[in-house]
Amino acid sequence: MFKEGDKISNEPNEERKKETQIVENYAAKLAEHFSSVQIFVTKHDMAAVDGTASITAGSGNWYARYGQVLAWLVRMNKAEENQVTEQ
């Protein structure tokens, strides 16, 4: 937790290293059952430069992961556009 006098930084501290290991372990466990895995997690962290800490981990074919994320973004953008036009 950020306290007065703490530095604002994107450098990983011990807590962030532990959290990163947790995410990497879950990605590895999922990879035992799936051909590609990509995990994104974020949390509010006032010690981070932009106030948000993020961790990613993945396994498997990079192009499959990239394509899946891109397809998801396109779907989400279309859904958002539809909601805006309906209002």
PDB file of N, CA and C in Angstrom:
ATOM      1  N   MET A   1       0.844  -1.175   0.000  1.00  0.00           N
ATOM      2  CA  MET A   1       0.000   0.000   0.000  1.00  0.00           C
ATOM      3  C   MET A   1       0.887   1.234   0.000  1.00  0.00           C
ATOM      4  N   PHE A   2       0.501   2.240  -0.732  1.00  0.00           N
ATOM      5  CA  PHE A   2       1.251   3.487  -0.849  1.00  0.00           C
ATOM      6  C   PHE A   2       1.131   4.298   0.433  1.00  0.00           C
ATOM      7  N   LYS A   3       2.269   4.734   0.952  1.00  0.00           N
ATOM      8  CA  LYS A   3       2.290   5.570   2.152  1.00  0.00           C
ATOM      9  C   LYS A   3       3.025   6.862   1.841  1.00  0.00           C
ATOM     10  N   GLU A   4       2.736   7.892   2.600  1.00  0.00           N
ATOM     11  CA  GLU A   4       3.416   9.177   2.441  1.00  0.00           C
ATOM     12  C   GLU A   4       4.923   8.948   2.467  1.00  0.00           C
ATOM     13  N   GLY A   5       5.608   9.525   1.516  1.00  0.00           N
ATOM     14  CA  GLY A   5       7.059   9.390   1.432  1.00  0.00           C
ATOM     15  C   GLY A   5       7.522   8.258   0.529  1.00  0.00           C
ATOM     16  N   ASP A   6       6.607   7.344   0.155  1.00  0.00           N
ATOM     17  CA  ASP A   6       6.972   6.268  -0.763  1.00  0.00           C
ATOM     18  C   ASP A   6       7.237   6.853  -2.138  1.00  0.00           C
ATOM     19  N   LYS A   7       8.124   6.218  -2.876  1.00  0.00           N
ATOM     20  CA  LYS A   7       8.422   6.653  -4.236  1.00  0.00           C
ATOM     21  C   LYS A   7       7.370   6.133  -5.200  1.00  0.00           C
ATOM     22  N   ILE A   8       7.073   6.931  -6.208  1.00  0.00           N
ATOM     23  CA  ILE A   8       6.205   6.485  -7.297  1.00  0.00           C
ATOM     24  C   ILE A   8       7.112   5.875  -8.354  1.00  0.00           C
ATOM     25  N   SER A   9       6.829   4.636  -8.728  1.00  0.00           N
ATOM     26  CA  SER A   9       7.722   3.918  -9.629  1.00  0.00           C
ATOM     27  C   SER A   9       6.983   2.779 -10.314  1.00  0.00           C
ATOM     28  N   ASN A  10       7.476   2.378 -11.467  1.00  0.00           N
ATOM     29  CA  ASN A  10       6.981   1.175 -12.126  1.00  0.00           C
ATOM     30  C   ASN A  10       7.901  -0.015 -11.876  1.00  0.00           C
ATOM     31  N   GLU A  11       8.927   0.188 -11.072  1.00  0.00           N
ATOM     32  CA  GLU A  11       9.836  -0.907 -10.738  1.00  0.00           C
ATOM     33  C   GLU A  11       9.125  -1.894  -9.817  1.00  0.00           C
ATOM     34  N   PRO A  12       9.273  -3.192 -10.058  1.00  0.00           N
ATOM     35  CA  PRO A  12       8.582  -4.177  -9.224  1.00  0.00           C
ATOM     36  C   PRO A  12       9.164  -4.232  -7.810  1.00  0.00           C
ATOM     37  N   ASN A  13       8.284  -4.193  -6.817  1.00  0.00           N
ATOM     38  CA  ASN A  13       8.705  -4.393  -5.439  1.00  0.00           C
ATOM     39  C   ASN A  13       8.456  -5.858  -5.077  1.00  0.00           C
ATOM     40  N   GLU A  14       8.690  -6.218  -3.832  1.00  0.00           N
ATOM     41  CA  GLU A  14       8.529  -7.620  -3.432  1.00  0.00           C
ATOM     42  C   GLU A  14       7.076  -8.089  -3.602  1.00  0.00           C
ATOM     43  N   GLU A  15       6.119  -7.237  -3.267  1.00  0.00           N
ATOM     44  CA  GLU A  15       4.706  -7.603  -3.424  1.00  0.00           C
ATOM     45  C   GLU A  15       4.383  -7.838  -4.900  1.00  0.00           C
ATOM     46  N   ARG A  16       4.855  -6.956  -5.775  1.00  0.00           N
ATOM     47  CA  ARG A  16       4.591  -7.100  -7.205  1.00  0.00           C
ATOM     48  C   ARG A  16       5.248  -8.358  -7.756  1.00  0.00           C
ATOM     49  N   LYS A  17       6.451  -8.671  -7.293  1.00  0.00           N
ATOM     50  CA  LYS A  17       7.122  -9.898  -7.734  1.00  0.00           C
ATOM     51  C   LYS A  17       6.310 -11.128  -7.337  1.00  0.00           C
ATOM     52  N   LYS A  18       5.769 -11.117  -6.117  1.00  0.00           N
ATOM     53  CA  LYS A  18       4.943 -12.235  -5.650  1.00  0.00           C
ATOM     54  C   LYS A  18       3.672 -12.342  -6.489  1.00  0.00           C
ATOM     55  N   GLU A  19       3.023 -11.220  -6.750  1.00  0.00           N
ATOM     56  CA  GLU A  19       1.799 -11.218  -7.561  1.00  0.00           C
ATOM     57  C   GLU A  19       2.087 -11.692  -8.982  1.00  0.00           C
ATOM     58  N   THR A  20       3.206 -11.264  -9.547  1.00  0.00           N
ATOM     59  CA  THR A  20       3.597 -11.694 -10.892  1.00  0.00           C
ATOM     60  C   THR A  20       3.783 -13.205 -10.925  1.00  0.00           C
ATOM     61  N   GLN A  21       4.407 -13.749  -9.908  1.00  0.00           N
ATOM     62  CA  GLN A  21       4.613 -15.199  -9.838  1.00  0.00           C
ATOM     63  C   GLN A  21       3.276 -15.929  -9.780  1.00  0.00           C
ATOM     64  N   ILE A  22       2.313 -15.384  -9.049  1.00  0.00           N
ATOM     65  CA  ILE A  22       0.985 -15.994  -8.963  1.00  0.00           C
ATOM     66  C   ILE A  22       0.341 -16.040 -10.348  1.00  0.00           C
ATOM     67  N   VAL A  23       0.373 -14.924 -11.070  1.00  0.00           N
ATOM     68  CA  VAL A  23      -0.232 -14.861 -12.403  1.00  0.00           C
ATOM     69  C   VAL A  23       0.487 -15.817 -13.352  1.00  0.00           C
ATOM     70  N   GLU A  24       1.805 -15.846 -13.300  1.00  0.00           N
ATOM     71  CA  GLU A  24       2.577 -16.757 -14.163  1.00  0.00           C
ATOM     72  C   GLU A  24       2.251 -18.216 -13.843  1.00  0.00           C
ATOM     73  N   ASN A  25       2.076 -18.532 -12.572  1.00  0.00           N
ATOM     74  CA  ASN A  25       1.728 -19.905 -12.189  1.00  0.00           C
ATOM     75  C   ASN A  25       0.363 -20.303 -12.749  1.00  0.00           C
ATOM     76  N   TYR A  26      -0.619 -19.390 -12.689  1.00  0.00           N
ATOM     77  CA  TYR A  26      -1.939 -19.693 -13.245  1.00  0.00           C
ATOM     78  C   TYR A  26      -1.869 -19.859 -14.756  1.00  0.00           C
ATOM     79  N   ALA A  27      -1.079 -19.027 -15.423  1.00  0.00           N
ATOM     80  CA  ALA A  27      -0.928 -19.164 -16.875  1.00  0.00           C
ATOM     81  C   ALA A  27      -0.332 -20.528 -17.213  1.00  0.00           C
ATOM     82  N   ALA A  28       0.667 -20.943 -16.455  1.00  0.00           N
ATOM     83  CA  ALA A  28       1.296 -22.246 -16.697  1.00  0.00           C
ATOM     84  C   ALA A  28       0.313 -23.383 -16.448  1.00  0.00           C
ATOM     85  N   LYS A  29      -0.496 -23.266 -15.397  1.00  0.00           N
ATOM     86  CA  LYS A  29      -1.475 -24.300 -15.086  1.00  0.00           C
ATOM     87  C   LYS A  29      -2.535 -24.398 -16.186  1.00  0.00           C
ATOM     88  N   LEU A  30      -3.018 -23.251 -16.656  1.00  0.00           N
ATOM     89  CA  LEU A  30      -3.998 -23.251 -17.749  1.00  0.00           C
ATOM     90  C   LEU A  30      -3.392 -23.818 -19.026  1.00  0.00           C
ATOM     91  N   ALA A  31      -2.114 -23.566 -19.252  1.00  0.00           N
ATOM     92  CA  ALA A  31      -1.437 -24.040 -20.465  1.00  0.00           C
ATOM     93  C   ALA A  31      -1.370 -25.567 -20.527  1.00  0.00           C
ATOM     94  N   GLU A  32      -1.561 -26.215 -19.394  1.00  0.00           N
ATOM     95  CA  GLU A  32      -1.608 -27.682 -19.396  1.00  0.00           C
ATOM     96  C   GLU A  32      -2.858 -28.192 -20.108  1.00  0.00           C
ATOM     97  N   HIS A  33      -3.870 -27.322 -20.264  1.00  0.00           N
ATOM     98  CA  HIS A  33      -5.157 -27.732 -20.824  1.00  0.00           C
ATOM     99  C   HIS A  33      -5.542 -26.996 -22.103  1.00  0.00           C
ATOM    100  N   PHE A  34      -4.831 -25.901 -22.418  1.00  0.00           N
ATOM    101  CA  PHE A  34      -5.175 -25.064 -23.570  1.00  0.00           C
ATOM    102  C   PHE A  34      -3.931 -24.782 -24.394  1.00  0.00           C
ATOM    103  N   SER A  35      -4.123 -24.574 -25.710  1.00  0.00           N
ATOM    104  CA  SER A  35      -2.969 -24.364 -26.590  1.00  0.00           C
ATOM    105  C   SER A  35      -2.388 -22.964 -26.473  1.00  0.00           C
ATOM    106  N   SER A  36      -3.184 -21.999 -26.052  1.00  0.00           N
ATOM    107  CA  SER A  36      -2.642 -20.663 -25.795  1.00  0.00           C
ATOM    108  C   SER A  36      -3.400 -20.015 -24.649  1.00  0.00           C
ATOM    109  N   VAL A  37      -2.683 -19.233 -23.871  1.00  0.00           N
ATOM    110  CA  VAL A  37      -3.239 -18.576 -22.691  1.00  0.00           C
ATOM    111  C   VAL A  37      -2.657 -17.178 -22.621  1.00  0.00           C
ATOM    112  N   GLN A  38      -3.503 -16.199 -22.336  1.00  0.00           N
ATOM    113  CA  GLN A  38      -3.021 -14.843 -22.075  1.00  0.00           C
ATOM    114  C   GLN A  38      -3.843 -14.285 -20.925  1.00  0.00           C
ATOM    115  N   ILE A  39      -3.179 -13.828 -19.891  1.00  0.00           N
ATOM    116  CA  ILE A  39      -3.846 -13.277 -18.709  1.00  0.00           C
ATOM    117  C   ILE A  39      -3.414 -11.831 -18.534  1.00  0.00           C
ATOM    118  N   PHE A  40      -4.389 -10.955 -18.289  1.00  0.00           N
ATOM    119  CA  PHE A  40      -4.148  -9.552 -17.951  1.00  0.00           C
ATOM    120  C   PHE A  40      -4.807  -9.292 -16.610  1.00  0.00           C
ATOM    121  N   VAL A  41      -4.087  -8.713 -15.679  1.00  0.00           N
ATOM    122  CA  VAL A  41      -4.684  -8.307 -14.416  1.00  0.00           C
ATOM    123  C   VAL A  41      -4.238  -6.889 -14.090  1.00  0.00           C
ATOM    124  N   THR A  42      -5.105  -6.140 -13.435  1.00  0.00           N
ATOM    125  CA  THR A  42      -4.762  -4.790 -12.990  1.00  0.00           C
ATOM    126  C   THR A  42      -5.279  -4.591 -11.578  1.00  0.00           C
ATOM    127  N   LYS A  43      -4.671  -3.638 -10.895  1.00  0.00           N
ATOM    128  CA  LYS A  43      -5.186  -3.233  -9.597  1.00  0.00           C
ATOM    129  C   LYS A  43      -4.763  -1.798  -9.316  1.00  0.00           C
ATOM    130  N   HIS A  44      -5.572  -1.143  -8.524  1.00  0.00           N
ATOM    131  CA  HIS A  44      -5.280   0.230  -8.127  1.00  0.00           C
ATOM    132  C   HIS A  44      -4.026   0.208  -7.248  1.00  0.00           C
ATOM    133  N   ASP A  45      -3.059   1.039  -7.587  1.00  0.00           N
ATOM    134  CA  ASP A  45      -1.802   1.097  -6.822  1.00  0.00           C
ATOM    135  C   ASP A  45      -1.246   2.509  -6.925  1.00  0.00           C
ATOM    136  N   MET A  46      -1.390   3.281  -5.887  1.00  0.00           N
ATOM    137  CA  MET A  46      -0.945   4.675  -5.910  1.00  0.00           C
ATOM    138  C   MET A  46       0.568   4.803  -6.056  1.00  0.00           C
ATOM    139  N   ALA A  47       1.307   3.735  -5.790  1.00  0.00           N
ATOM    140  CA  ALA A  47       2.763   3.792  -5.946  1.00  0.00           C
ATOM    141  C   ALA A  47       3.181   3.657  -7.407  1.00  0.00           C
ATOM    142  N   ALA A  48       2.278   3.215  -8.262  1.00  0.00           N
ATOM    143  CA  ALA A  48       2.577   3.094  -9.695  1.00  0.00           C
ATOM    144  C   ALA A  48       2.483   4.475 -10.342  1.00  0.00           C
ATOM    145  N   VAL A  49       3.243   4.673 -11.391  1.00  0.00           N
ATOM    146  CA  VAL A  49       3.303   5.974 -12.052  1.00  0.00           C
ATOM    147  C   VAL A  49       1.922   6.487 -12.435  1.00  0.00           C
ATOM    148  N   ASP A  50       1.078   5.631 -13.012  1.00  0.00           N
ATOM    149  CA  ASP A  50      -0.259   6.073 -13.435  1.00  0.00           C
ATOM    150  C   ASP A  50      -1.359   5.657 -12.462  1.00  0.00           C
ATOM    151  N   GLY A  51      -0.997   5.143 -11.287  1.00  0.00           N
ATOM    152  CA  GLY A  51      -1.982   4.751 -10.289  1.00  0.00           C
ATOM    153  C   GLY A  51      -2.566   3.369 -10.491  1.00  0.00           C
ATOM    154  N   THR A  52      -2.111   2.673 -11.523  1.00  0.00           N
ATOM    155  CA  THR A  52      -2.603   1.326 -11.808  1.00  0.00           C
ATOM    156  C   THR A  52      -1.423   0.390 -12.039  1.00  0.00           C
ATOM    157  N   ALA A  53      -1.445  -0.718 -11.352  1.00  0.00           N
ATOM    158  CA  ALA A  53      -0.429  -1.755 -11.557  1.00  0.00           C
ATOM    159  C   ALA A  53      -1.027  -2.813 -12.475  1.00  0.00           C
ATOM    160  N   SER A  54      -0.250  -3.283 -13.427  1.00  0.00           N
ATOM    161  CA  SER A  54      -0.741  -4.333 -14.314  1.00  0.00           C
ATOM    162  C   SER A  54       0.300  -5.430 -14.443  1.00  0.00           C
ATOM    163  N   ILE A  55      -0.202  -6.640 -14.595  1.00  0.00           N
ATOM    164  CA  ILE A  55       0.650  -7.811 -14.773  1.00  0.00           C
ATOM    165  C   ILE A  55       0.060  -8.618 -15.916  1.00  0.00           C
ATOM    166  N   THR A  56       0.898  -9.111 -16.793  1.00  0.00           N
ATOM    167  CA  THR A  56       0.449 -10.004 -17.857  1.00  0.00           C
ATOM    168  C   THR A  56       1.307 -11.259 -17.853  1.00  0.00           C
ATOM    169  N   ALA A  57       0.713 -12.349 -18.272  1.00  0.00           N
ATOM    170  CA  ALA A  57       1.445 -13.601 -18.427  1.00  0.00           C
ATOM    171  C   ALA A  57       0.774 -14.383 -19.537  1.00  0.00           C
ATOM    172  N   GLY A  58       1.562 -15.114 -20.283  1.00  0.00           N
ATOM    173  CA  GLY A  58       0.995 -15.895 -21.364  1.00  0.00           C
ATOM    174  C   GLY A  58       1.827 -17.112 -21.678  1.00  0.00           C
ATOM    175  N   SER A  59       1.211 -17.990 -22.441  1.00  0.00           N
ATOM    176  CA  SER A  59       1.875 -19.218 -22.852  1.00  0.00           C
ATOM    177  C   SER A  59       1.278 -19.672 -24.172  1.00  0.00           C
ATOM    178  N   GLY A  60       2.062 -20.340 -24.959  1.00  0.00           N
ATOM    179  CA  GLY A  60       1.574 -20.862 -26.225  1.00  0.00           C
ATOM    180  C   GLY A  60       1.877 -19.926 -27.380  1.00  0.00           C
ATOM    181  N   ASN A  61       1.239 -20.195 -28.495  1.00  0.00           N
ATOM    182  CA  ASN A  61       1.481 -19.461 -29.732  1.00  0.00           C
ATOM    183  C   ASN A  61       1.168 -17.977 -29.571  1.00  0.00           C
ATOM    184  N   TRP A  62       2.174 -17.137 -29.783  1.00  0.00           N
ATOM    185  CA  TRP A  62       2.011 -15.692 -29.604  1.00  0.00           C
ATOM    186  C   TRP A  62       0.979 -15.139 -30.574  1.00  0.00           C
ATOM    187  N   TYR A  63       0.980 -15.602 -31.811  1.00  0.00           N
ATOM    188  CA  TYR A  63       0.030 -15.097 -32.805  1.00  0.00           C
ATOM    189  C   TYR A  63      -1.407 -15.465 -32.450  1.00  0.00           C
ATOM    190  N   ALA A  64      -1.616 -16.646 -31.901  1.00  0.00           N
ATOM    191  CA  ALA A  64      -2.957 -17.039 -31.459  1.00  0.00           C
ATOM    192  C   ALA A  64      -3.420 -16.140 -30.319  1.00  0.00           C
ATOM    193  N   ARG A  65      -2.526 -15.851 -29.373  1.00  0.00           N
ATOM    194  CA  ARG A  65      -2.884 -14.975 -28.257  1.00  0.00           C
ATOM    195  C   ARG A  65      -3.177 -13.572 -28.751  1.00  0.00           C
ATOM    196  N   TYR A  66      -2.334 -13.071 -29.642  1.00  0.00           N
ATOM    197  CA  TYR A  66      -2.522 -11.735 -30.192  1.00  0.00           C
ATOM    198  C   TYR A  66      -3.853 -11.650 -30.948  1.00  0.00           C
ATOM    199  N   GLY A  67      -4.119 -12.647 -31.771  1.00  0.00           N
ATOM    200  CA  GLY A  67      -5.360 -12.669 -32.547  1.00  0.00           C
ATOM    201  C   GLY A  67      -6.587 -12.723 -31.666  1.00  0.00           C
ATOM    202  N   GLN A  68      -6.523 -13.499 -30.604  1.00  0.00           N
ATOM    203  CA  GLN A  68      -7.660 -13.602 -29.707  1.00  0.00           C
ATOM    204  C   GLN A  68      -7.925 -12.273 -29.001  1.00  0.00           C
ATOM    205  N   VAL A  69      -6.867 -11.625 -28.537  1.00  0.00           N
ATOM    206  CA  VAL A  69      -7.020 -10.326 -27.877  1.00  0.00           C
ATOM    207  C   VAL A  69      -7.557  -9.292 -28.868  1.00  0.00           C
ATOM    208  N   LEU A  70      -7.026  -9.286 -30.069  1.00  0.00           N
ATOM    209  CA  LEU A  70      -7.493  -8.345 -31.088  1.00  0.00           C
ATOM    210  C   LEU A  70      -8.970  -8.568 -31.415  1.00  0.00           C
ATOM    211  N   ALA A  71      -9.361  -9.824 -31.581  1.00  0.00           N
ATOM    212  CA  ALA A  71     -10.771 -10.136 -31.871  1.00  0.00           C
ATOM    213  C   ALA A  71     -11.661  -9.684 -30.714  1.00  0.00           C
ATOM    214  N   TRP A  72     -11.213  -9.873 -29.489  1.00  0.00           N
ATOM    215  CA  TRP A  72     -11.992  -9.440 -28.328  1.00  0.00           C
ATOM    216  C   TRP A  72     -12.145  -7.918 -28.316  1.00  0.00           C
ATOM    217  N   LEU A  73     -11.056  -7.202 -28.604  1.00  0.00           N
ATOM    218  CA  LEU A  73     -11.127  -5.740 -28.647  1.00  0.00           C
ATOM    219  C   LEU A  73     -12.101  -5.249 -29.715  1.00  0.00           C
ATOM    220  N   VAL A  74     -12.077  -5.870 -30.881  1.00  0.00           N
ATOM    221  CA  VAL A  74     -12.995  -5.491 -31.957  1.00  0.00           C
ATOM    222  C   VAL A  74     -14.433  -5.710 -31.508  1.00  0.00           C
ATOM    223  N   ARG A  75     -14.718  -6.889 -30.897  1.00  0.00           N
ATOM    224  CA  ARG A  75     -16.073  -7.166 -30.400  1.00  0.00           C
ATOM    225  C   ARG A  75     -16.503  -6.144 -29.353  1.00  0.00           C
ATOM    226  N   MET A  76     -15.615  -5.811 -28.437  1.00  0.00           N
ATOM    227  CA  MET A  76     -15.950  -4.852 -27.376  1.00  0.00           C
ATOM    228  C   MET A  76     -16.191  -3.454 -27.957  1.00  0.00           C
ATOM    229  N   ASN A  77     -15.386  -3.062 -28.945  1.00  0.00           N
ATOM    230  CA  ASN A  77     -15.584  -1.760 -29.588  1.00  0.00           C
ATOM    231  C   ASN A  77     -16.925  -1.703 -30.302  1.00  0.00           C
ATOM    232  N   LYS A  78     -17.294  -2.771 -31.011  1.00  0.00           N
ATOM    233  CA  LYS A  78     -18.588  -2.809 -31.696  1.00  0.00           C
ATOM    234  C   LYS A  78     -19.733  -2.764 -30.695  1.00  0.00           C
ATOM    235  N   ALA A  79     -19.607  -3.497 -29.606  1.00  0.00           N
ATOM    236  CA  ALA A  79     -20.645  -3.485 -28.577  1.00  0.00           C
ATOM    237  C   ALA A  79     -20.788  -2.092 -27.979  1.00  0.00           C
ATOM    238  N   GLU A  80     -19.679  -1.429 -27.738  1.00  0.00           N
ATOM    239  CA  GLU A  80     -19.705  -0.062 -27.200  1.00  0.00           C
ATOM    240  C   GLU A  80     -20.350   0.895 -28.194  1.00  0.00           C
ATOM    241  N   GLU A  81     -19.995   0.772 -29.469  1.00  0.00           N
ATOM    242  CA  GLU A  81     -20.597   1.620 -30.507  1.00  0.00           C
ATOM    243  C   GLU A  81     -22.103   1.407 -30.568  1.00  0.00           C
ATOM    244  N   ASN A  82     -22.546   0.152 -30.455  1.00  0.00           N
ATOM    245  CA  ASN A  82     -23.979  -0.149 -30.486  1.00  0.00           C
ATOM    246  C   ASN A  82     -24.689   0.458 -29.289  1.00  0.00           C
ATOM    247  N   GLN A  83     -24.077   0.430 -28.130  1.00  0.00           N
ATOM    248  CA  GLN A  83     -24.689   1.007 -26.939  1.00  0.00           C
ATOM    249  C   GLN A  83     -24.804   2.531 -27.080  1.00  0.00           C
ATOM    250  N   VAL A  84     -23.785   3.164 -27.649  1.00  0.00           N
ATOM    251  CA  VAL A  84     -23.799   4.609 -27.820  1.00  0.00           C
ATOM    252  C   VAL A  84     -24.884   5.021 -28.799  1.00  0.00           C
ATOM    253  N   THR A  85     -25.020   4.293 -29.904  1.00  0.00           N
ATOM    254  CA  THR A  85     -26.022   4.652 -30.907  1.00  0.00           C
ATOM    255  C   THR A  85     -27.436   4.376 -30.429  1.00  0.00           C
ATOM    256  N   GLU A  86     -27.613   3.428 -29.510  1.00  0.00           N
ATOM    257  CA  GLU A  86     -28.932   3.110 -28.968  1.00  0.00           C
ATOM    258  C   GLU A  86     -29.404   4.160 -27.990  1.00  0.00           C
ATOM    259  N   GLN A  87     -28.503   4.908 -27.406  1.00  0.00           N
ATOM    260  CA  GLN A  87     -28.886   5.916 -26.415  1.00  0.00           C
ATOM    261  C   GLN A  87     -29.341   7.130 -27.083  1.00  0.00           C
TER     262      GLN A  87
END
